[in-house]
Amino acid sequence: MKIELENNKVFFENEGLKKEIHPFWLRERVNGDDFVDKGTQQRLFDPTELQKNIKIDSINQSNEYLEITFNDGVHTKLAIQNILKEFSNINDVKFIKKVKWDSSLKDLNNFEFSENFFENKEMYKALINFYQYGFVIFTKVPTKNNFIINFANSIGSIRRTNFGEFFNVKSKPNPNDLAYTSLPLAPHTDNPYRNPVPCIQILHCIENEVSGGLSTLVDGFTVTEQLKKDCPDYYKILTEIKVRFQFIDQSVVLEDWAEMIQLDELGEFKQVRFSPRLDFVPLMDKEKLDLYYAARKKISELYNSNDFRIEFKLKPGDLLMIDNYRLLHGRTTYDANEGNRFLQGCYIDYDSTEGKLKHLKRKFNF
């Protein structure tokens, strides 16, 4: 990619394709002190009030900058790197490549919490790992005074659900969710019945005195790519058919329709939803239902296979952050008579981690 000049016009060239950059687009990006607030980077002018026939009167190019004078008298100096970055359609998060993993994964992406952790380089590294693997574990996180709220809001902001601002995961009588029992939980994604689904789940271990109750994780990205390779017909129908996910308790009914494997606009992996206690397949022709049920059974077998699952025990102070669009999580059974097992949980959205990552990247010049 490169910038070229010709007759007071600016062209963007990429892989043999050459297109003119509209002069109004460049005029919107003037960045002097009279045009942009230094602190917020917000414009100090309204581009909709500019004259329509913006043109370039003169322009010069150096190795790093374009110096442009427009026909309304405005002069600016634009960094070529910033222009190319906008045309590349790559932001600070999308460039992070997902790392596929299975049961052979040994490094559990542990980062030790410390004072001022949210503003140091280790936090930046932790967020990079989170986007690579879909999870990260922070150790020695304070367990007093519902610190999970402070943690989540120091990255972004908590997304409140019908379970509250945060929730306590422990056995209790008459629960409205199986998470609040000592029963095992098969691999699943949380809140598949919401629109949109909460992107990220945080689980903070406060007490764990039982021998069981191991946390389990499965990489939905790895599993669906394997299904795509081995059983393309199964993969195809799971990416096409929307099913109804539903949650009901005494105070709320939540529903949403979505594919079990959702793809983005380029046909690439975006999200998995899997919670077989909560899904309702629509009525279809018998042959199509036969295929769909076979596909759902197959992907369930893969999700529950020892080949893809990792297990580990969270210690008090351990805080697990999970990409709820990508990973499935679960729990092995435990005996509540052995002692207390107490986790606190909450949800945040991608703009929380994306915003924090971009801030730290800017702060440390990465």
Protein backbone atom coordinates (compact mmCIF):
# COMPACT_ATOMS: atom_id res chain seq x y z
CA MET A 1 0.00 0.00 0.00
CA LYS A 2 1.23 3.48 -0.81
CA ILE A 3 0.17 7.05 -1.47
CA GLU A 4 0.82 8.76 -4.82
CA LEU A 5 0.30 12.37 -5.98
CA GLU A 6 -0.76 13.56 -9.42
CA ASN A 7 -2.05 17.02 -10.49
CA ASN A 8 -2.98 18.06 -6.92
CA LYS A 9 -4.82 14.80 -6.41
CA VAL A 10 -4.04 12.04 -3.89
CA PHE A 11 -4.20 8.40 -4.92
CA PHE A 12 -4.18 5.22 -2.84
CA GLU A 13 -2.44 2.30 -4.55
CA ASN A 14 -2.76 -1.30 -3.35
CA GLU A 15 -1.84 -4.48 -5.27
CA GLY A 16 -2.08 -2.77 -8.64
CA LEU A 17 -5.38 -1.04 -7.94
CA LYS A 18 -5.23 2.75 -7.84
CA LYS A 19 -8.04 4.97 -6.56
CA GLU A 20 -8.31 8.68 -5.87
CA ILE A 21 -8.84 9.75 -2.27
CA HIS A 22 -11.69 12.24 -2.14
CA PRO A 23 -10.39 15.71 -1.12
CA PHE A 24 -13.34 16.16 1.26
CA TRP A 25 -12.26 12.95 3.07
CA LEU A 26 -8.82 14.50 3.57
CA ARG A 27 -10.32 17.85 4.60
CA GLU A 28 -12.34 16.13 7.35
CA ARG A 29 -9.06 14.89 8.83
CA VAL A 30 -7.30 18.21 9.37
CA ASN A 31 -5.66 17.94 12.76
CA GLY A 32 -4.23 21.27 13.85
CA ASP A 33 -4.99 22.77 17.27
CA ASP A 34 -7.71 24.93 15.74
CA PHE A 35 -9.51 21.88 14.35
CA VAL A 36 -9.12 19.00 16.83
CA ASP A 37 -9.23 18.90 20.63
CA LYS A 38 -5.92 17.51 21.89
CA GLY A 39 -7.44 15.58 24.79
CA THR A 40 -10.45 13.95 23.18
CA GLN A 41 -9.42 14.00 19.50
CA GLN A 42 -12.92 15.29 18.75
CA ARG A 43 -13.39 17.76 15.90
CA LEU A 44 -13.80 21.41 16.80
CA PHE A 45 -15.72 21.91 13.55
CA ASP A 46 -18.79 20.36 11.91
CA PRO A 47 -17.83 18.83 8.53
CA THR A 48 -21.46 18.97 7.38
CA GLU A 49 -21.16 22.77 7.34
CA LEU A 50 -18.18 22.83 4.98
CA GLN A 51 -18.57 23.94 1.39
CA LYS A 52 -19.37 21.13 -1.02
CA ASN A 53 -16.70 21.71 -3.67
CA ILE A 54 -13.62 21.13 -1.51
CA LYS A 55 -10.49 20.87 -3.67
CA ILE A 56 -6.75 20.75 -3.12
CA ASP A 57 -4.89 23.91 -4.13
CA SER A 58 -1.40 22.57 -3.37
CA ILE A 59 0.16 19.44 -1.92
CA ASN A 60 3.62 18.15 -0.99
CA GLN A 61 4.69 14.69 0.11
CA SER A 62 7.61 13.70 2.34
CA ASN A 63 8.49 10.23 3.64
CA GLU A 64 6.05 10.56 6.53
CA TYR A 65 3.58 13.35 5.81
CA LEU A 66 1.29 15.01 3.31
CA GLU A 67 1.16 18.81 3.52
CA ILE A 68 -2.07 20.03 1.95
CA THR A 69 -3.64 23.44 1.32
CA PHE A 70 -7.35 23.32 0.47
CA ASN A 71 -9.35 25.83 -1.56
CA ASP A 72 -11.10 27.09 1.59
CA GLY A 73 -7.72 28.32 2.87
CA VAL A 74 -7.10 25.54 5.41
CA HIS A 75 -3.58 24.07 5.60
CA THR A 76 -2.85 20.74 7.29
CA LYS A 77 -0.14 18.12 7.78
CA LEU A 78 -1.38 14.52 7.69
CA ALA A 79 0.62 11.43 8.66
CA ILE A 80 0.73 9.01 5.73
CA GLN A 81 0.80 6.06 8.13
CA ASN A 82 -2.55 7.11 9.60
CA ILE A 83 -4.12 7.36 6.15
CA LEU A 84 -2.87 3.90 5.17
CA LYS A 85 -4.11 2.46 8.44
CA GLU A 86 -7.64 3.65 7.72
CA PHE A 87 -7.59 2.06 4.27
CA SER A 88 -6.24 -1.23 5.57
CA ASN A 89 -9.44 -1.91 7.58
CA ILE A 90 -7.28 -3.40 10.34
CA ASN A 91 -7.85 -2.15 13.86
CA ASP A 92 -5.80 -2.83 16.97
CA VAL A 93 -7.81 -5.96 17.82
CA LYS A 94 -8.59 -7.61 14.50
CA PHE A 95 -4.91 -7.97 13.69
CA ILE A 96 -4.56 -10.40 16.62
CA LYS A 97 -4.74 -13.87 15.13
CA LYS A 98 -6.72 -16.53 16.96
CA VAL A 99 -4.60 -19.44 18.19
CA LYS A 100 -6.43 -22.77 17.91
CA TRP A 101 -5.95 -25.05 20.92
CA ASP A 102 -7.17 -28.37 22.30
CA SER A 103 -6.59 -30.59 25.35
CA SER A 104 -2.83 -30.50 24.78
CA LEU A 105 -2.69 -26.85 25.88
CA LYS A 106 -0.51 -26.56 28.99
CA ASP A 107 0.09 -22.81 29.36
CA LEU A 108 -3.03 -21.41 31.02
CA ASN A 109 -2.17 -17.76 30.34
CA ASN A 110 -1.63 -16.77 33.98
CA PHE A 111 -0.84 -13.16 34.86
CA GLU A 112 -0.18 -12.07 38.45
CA PHE A 113 -2.28 -9.14 39.61
CA SER A 114 -0.44 -6.24 41.27
CA GLU A 115 -0.94 -2.61 42.22
CA ASN A 116 -1.65 -0.36 39.21
CA PHE A 117 -2.04 -3.54 37.12
CA PHE A 118 -4.70 -2.02 34.88
CA GLU A 119 -2.27 0.61 33.59
CA ASN A 120 0.91 -1.45 33.10
CA LYS A 121 2.42 -3.47 30.29
CA GLU A 122 1.40 -6.81 31.81
CA MET A 123 -2.24 -5.85 31.34
CA TYR A 124 -1.56 -5.17 27.66
CA LYS A 125 0.10 -8.59 27.30
CA ALA A 126 -2.80 -10.25 29.12
CA LEU A 127 -5.34 -8.71 26.74
CA ILE A 128 -3.31 -9.82 23.71
CA ASN A 129 -3.35 -13.37 25.11
CA PHE A 130 -7.07 -13.10 25.75
CA TYR A 131 -7.77 -12.34 22.10
CA GLN A 132 -5.37 -15.07 20.95
CA TYR A 133 -6.69 -17.89 23.13
CA GLY A 134 -10.12 -16.69 24.21
CA PHE A 135 -9.31 -16.71 27.92
CA VAL A 136 -6.83 -15.47 30.49
CA ILE A 137 -6.38 -16.13 34.23
CA PHE A 138 -5.35 -13.38 36.64
CA THR A 139 -3.91 -14.64 39.94
CA LYS A 140 -3.80 -13.03 43.40
CA VAL A 141 -6.76 -10.75 42.67
CA PRO A 142 -8.24 -9.33 45.93
CA THR A 143 -11.27 -11.29 47.11
CA LYS A 144 -12.80 -8.79 49.56
CA ASN A 145 -15.65 -6.32 49.08
CA ASN A 146 -16.88 -7.65 45.72
CA PHE A 147 -13.62 -6.65 44.03
CA ILE A 148 -14.92 -8.17 40.77
CA ILE A 149 -16.89 -4.94 40.25
CA ASN A 150 -13.73 -2.85 40.57
CA PHE A 151 -11.86 -5.21 38.24
CA ALA A 152 -14.51 -5.19 35.51
CA ASN A 153 -15.05 -1.43 35.65
CA SER A 154 -11.29 -0.81 35.48
CA ILE A 155 -11.28 -2.49 32.06
CA GLY A 156 -14.57 -1.09 30.82
CA SER A 157 -17.98 -1.36 32.41
CA ILE A 158 -20.15 -4.18 33.67
CA ARG A 159 -23.09 -5.27 31.57
CA ARG A 160 -25.98 -5.87 33.92
CA THR A 161 -28.29 -8.85 33.28
CA ASN A 162 -31.32 -10.35 35.00
CA PHE A 163 -28.81 -12.06 37.33
CA GLY A 164 -27.77 -8.62 38.56
CA GLU A 165 -24.68 -6.46 38.26
CA PHE A 166 -22.74 -9.51 39.43
CA PHE A 167 -23.80 -12.93 40.68
CA ASN A 168 -22.62 -15.44 43.26
CA VAL A 169 -22.00 -18.99 42.03
CA LYS A 170 -22.58 -21.40 44.90
CA SER A 171 -25.09 -24.08 45.83
CA LYS A 172 -28.43 -22.70 47.02
CA PRO A 173 -31.98 -24.04 47.44
CA ASN A 174 -34.52 -23.64 44.61
CA PRO A 175 -32.05 -22.18 42.08
CA ASN A 176 -33.19 -20.56 38.82
CA ASP A 177 -30.11 -21.94 37.06
CA LEU A 178 -28.10 -25.18 37.34
CA ALA A 179 -24.96 -23.09 37.94
CA TYR A 180 -26.21 -22.61 41.50
CA THR A 181 -25.99 -26.32 42.34
CA SER A 182 -23.15 -28.80 42.85
CA LEU A 183 -24.14 -30.71 39.69
CA PRO A 184 -21.66 -30.99 36.81
CA LEU A 185 -22.07 -28.48 33.99
CA ALA A 186 -21.36 -29.67 30.45
CA PRO A 187 -19.56 -27.26 28.09
CA HIS A 188 -21.88 -24.38 27.21
CA THR A 189 -21.96 -20.70 26.37
CA ASP A 190 -23.73 -18.27 28.69
CA ASN A 191 -26.88 -16.30 27.89
CA PRO A 192 -27.48 -17.65 24.34
CA TYR A 193 -31.05 -16.34 24.67
CA ARG A 194 -29.92 -12.69 24.83
CA ASN A 195 -29.61 -10.21 21.95
CA PRO A 196 -26.81 -9.46 21.91
CA VAL A 197 -25.19 -12.19 23.97
CA PRO A 198 -22.77 -10.81 26.60
CA CYS A 199 -19.36 -11.06 24.96
CA ILE A 200 -17.09 -11.71 27.94
CA GLN A 201 -17.65 -13.51 31.23
CA ILE A 202 -15.55 -12.95 34.33
CA LEU A 203 -15.44 -15.57 37.12
CA HIS A 204 -13.57 -14.74 40.32
CA CYS A 205 -12.79 -17.53 42.79
CA ILE A 206 -13.43 -16.41 46.39
CA GLU A 207 -13.38 -19.82 48.13
CA ASN A 208 -12.67 -23.33 46.88
CA GLU A 209 -12.39 -25.99 49.58
CA VAL A 210 -13.69 -28.96 47.56
CA SER A 211 -11.69 -31.59 45.70
CA GLY A 212 -13.99 -31.54 42.66
CA GLY A 213 -15.56 -28.57 40.93
CA LEU A 214 -12.83 -28.23 38.31
CA SER A 215 -13.33 -25.51 35.74
CA THR A 216 -13.43 -26.71 32.12
CA LEU A 217 -12.90 -24.82 28.86
CA VAL A 218 -13.34 -25.79 25.20
CA ASP A 219 -12.29 -23.71 22.20
CA GLY A 220 -15.39 -23.41 20.01
CA PHE A 221 -13.25 -21.96 17.23
CA THR A 222 -11.06 -25.08 17.11
CA VAL A 223 -14.05 -27.43 17.27
CA THR A 224 -16.08 -25.72 14.55
CA GLU A 225 -13.06 -25.58 12.24
CA GLN A 226 -12.61 -29.33 12.81
CA LEU A 227 -16.30 -29.91 12.04
CA LYS A 228 -15.98 -27.80 8.89
CA LYS A 229 -13.10 -29.99 7.72
CA ASP A 230 -14.51 -33.42 8.66
CA CYS A 231 -18.28 -32.92 8.24
CA PRO A 232 -18.98 -30.01 5.88
CA ASP A 233 -22.71 -30.84 5.61
CA TYR A 234 -23.08 -30.69 9.39
CA TYR A 235 -21.11 -27.44 9.54
CA LYS A 236 -23.22 -25.90 6.78
CA ILE A 237 -26.59 -26.58 8.38
CA LEU A 238 -25.43 -25.39 11.81
CA THR A 239 -24.37 -22.08 10.21
CA GLU A 240 -27.68 -21.67 8.36
CA ILE A 241 -30.54 -22.69 10.65
CA LYS A 242 -31.60 -20.33 13.41
CA VAL A 243 -32.86 -22.02 16.57
CA ARG A 244 -34.75 -20.46 19.47
CA PHE A 245 -32.86 -20.09 22.74
CA GLN A 246 -35.05 -19.47 25.78
CA PHE A 247 -34.68 -18.70 29.49
CA ILE A 248 -37.66 -18.59 31.87
CA ASP A 249 -37.91 -17.94 35.57
CA GLN A 250 -40.55 -16.36 37.83
CA SER A 251 -39.78 -12.79 36.76
CA VAL A 252 -38.57 -12.87 33.15
CA VAL A 253 -38.83 -14.65 29.79
CA LEU A 254 -35.86 -14.17 27.46
CA GLU A 255 -35.69 -15.46 23.87
CA ASP A 256 -33.52 -15.05 20.82
CA TRP A 257 -33.14 -16.84 17.47
CA ALA A 258 -29.63 -17.55 16.20
CA GLU A 259 -27.40 -20.10 14.48
CA MET A 260 -25.33 -22.43 16.66
CA ILE A 261 -22.33 -21.38 14.56
CA GLN A 262 -22.53 -17.76 13.46
CA LEU A 263 -20.30 -16.43 10.68
CA ASP A 264 -19.29 -12.85 9.92
CA GLU A 265 -19.83 -10.94 6.67
CA LEU A 266 -16.76 -12.67 5.18
CA GLY A 267 -18.00 -16.15 6.07
CA GLU A 268 -15.47 -16.52 8.87
CA PHE A 269 -15.99 -17.63 12.48
CA LYS A 270 -17.79 -15.08 14.65
CA GLN A 271 -19.63 -16.81 17.48
CA VAL A 272 -20.90 -20.11 18.85
CA ARG A 273 -24.03 -20.56 20.93
CA PHE A 274 -24.44 -23.89 22.66
CA SER A 275 -26.66 -24.74 25.59
CA PRO A 276 -28.71 -27.86 24.80
CA ARG A 277 -30.97 -27.40 27.83
CA LEU A 278 -32.11 -24.08 26.39
CA ASP A 279 -32.43 -24.56 22.61
CA PHE A 280 -35.55 -25.28 20.54
CA VAL A 281 -35.09 -26.39 16.94
CA PRO A 282 -37.73 -25.04 14.51
CA LEU A 283 -40.06 -27.34 12.61
CA MET A 284 -38.57 -28.34 9.25
CA ASP A 285 -38.92 -31.13 6.70
CA LYS A 286 -38.11 -34.50 8.25
CA GLU A 287 -35.02 -35.00 6.07
CA LYS A 288 -33.66 -31.61 7.08
CA LEU A 289 -34.38 -32.25 10.74
CA ASP A 290 -32.61 -35.61 10.49
CA LEU A 291 -29.53 -33.78 9.21
CA TYR A 292 -29.78 -31.02 11.80
CA TYR A 293 -30.15 -33.40 14.75
CA ALA A 294 -27.19 -35.44 13.49
CA ALA A 295 -25.12 -32.26 13.18
CA ARG A 296 -26.07 -31.06 16.67
CA LYS A 297 -25.23 -34.45 18.14
CA LYS A 298 -21.85 -34.47 16.39
CA ILE A 299 -20.83 -31.02 17.56
CA SER A 300 -21.98 -31.90 21.09
CA GLU A 301 -19.74 -34.97 21.00
CA LEU A 302 -16.82 -32.80 19.94
CA TYR A 303 -17.49 -30.18 22.61
CA ASN A 304 -17.65 -32.91 25.27
CA SER A 305 -14.67 -34.86 23.96
CA ASN A 306 -11.53 -35.23 26.06
CA ASP A 307 -9.62 -34.26 22.92
CA PHE A 308 -10.68 -30.61 23.19
CA ARG A 309 -11.37 -29.94 26.89
CA ILE A 310 -8.93 -28.57 29.44
CA GLU A 311 -9.57 -28.81 33.19
CA PHE A 312 -8.06 -26.85 36.06
CA LYS A 313 -8.88 -25.86 39.61
CA LEU A 314 -9.34 -22.20 40.40
CA LYS A 315 -7.71 -21.09 43.65
CA PRO A 316 -8.98 -18.24 45.82
CA GLY A 317 -7.87 -15.03 44.13
CA ASP A 318 -7.85 -16.55 40.63
CA LEU A 319 -9.96 -14.57 38.16
CA LEU A 320 -10.88 -16.22 34.86
CA MET A 321 -11.88 -14.05 31.90
CA ILE A 322 -13.61 -15.96 29.07
CA ASP A 323 -14.61 -14.97 25.53
CA ASN A 324 -18.24 -16.08 25.63
CA TYR A 325 -18.55 -15.82 21.83
CA ARG A 326 -15.70 -18.26 21.28
CA LEU A 327 -15.24 -20.54 24.29
CA LEU A 328 -17.52 -22.99 26.05
CA HIS A 329 -17.06 -23.42 29.77
CA GLY A 330 -18.27 -25.93 32.33
CA ARG A 331 -17.59 -27.54 35.68
CA THR A 332 -17.06 -31.02 37.07
CA THR A 333 -19.24 -32.21 39.93
CA TYR A 334 -18.29 -31.63 43.54
CA ASP A 335 -19.42 -32.59 47.03
CA ALA A 336 -20.75 -29.53 48.85
CA ASN A 337 -20.24 -31.35 52.17
CA GLU A 338 -16.47 -31.06 51.70
CA GLY A 339 -16.54 -27.30 52.14
CA ASN A 340 -17.33 -24.06 50.36
CA ARG A 341 -16.99 -23.41 46.64
CA PHE A 342 -17.78 -19.77 45.95
CA LEU A 343 -17.23 -17.87 42.71
CA GLN A 344 -18.46 -14.43 41.73
CA GLY A 345 -19.29 -13.64 38.12
CA CYS A 346 -20.19 -10.75 35.85
CA TYR A 347 -20.21 -9.79 32.17
CA ILE A 348 -18.54 -7.10 30.08
CA ASP A 349 -18.62 -6.43 26.34
CA TYR A 350 -15.88 -6.35 23.71
CA ASP A 351 -15.72 -2.55 23.67
CA SER A 352 -14.38 -2.82 27.23
CA THR A 353 -11.36 -4.94 26.36
CA GLU A 354 -10.88 -3.36 22.93
CA GLY A 355 -10.89 0.13 24.39
CA LYS A 356 -8.44 -0.83 27.14
CA LEU A 357 -6.14 -2.56 24.66
CA LYS A 358 -6.07 0.45 22.32
CA HIS A 359 -5.40 2.80 25.26
CA LEU A 360 -2.44 0.72 26.49
CA LYS A 361 -1.09 0.32 22.95
CA ARG A 362 -1.09 4.11 22.61
CA LYS A 363 0.32 4.66 26.11
CA PHE A 364 3.31 2.34 25.65
CA ASN A 365 3.82 3.01 21.93
CA PHE A 366 3.42 -0.67 20.98
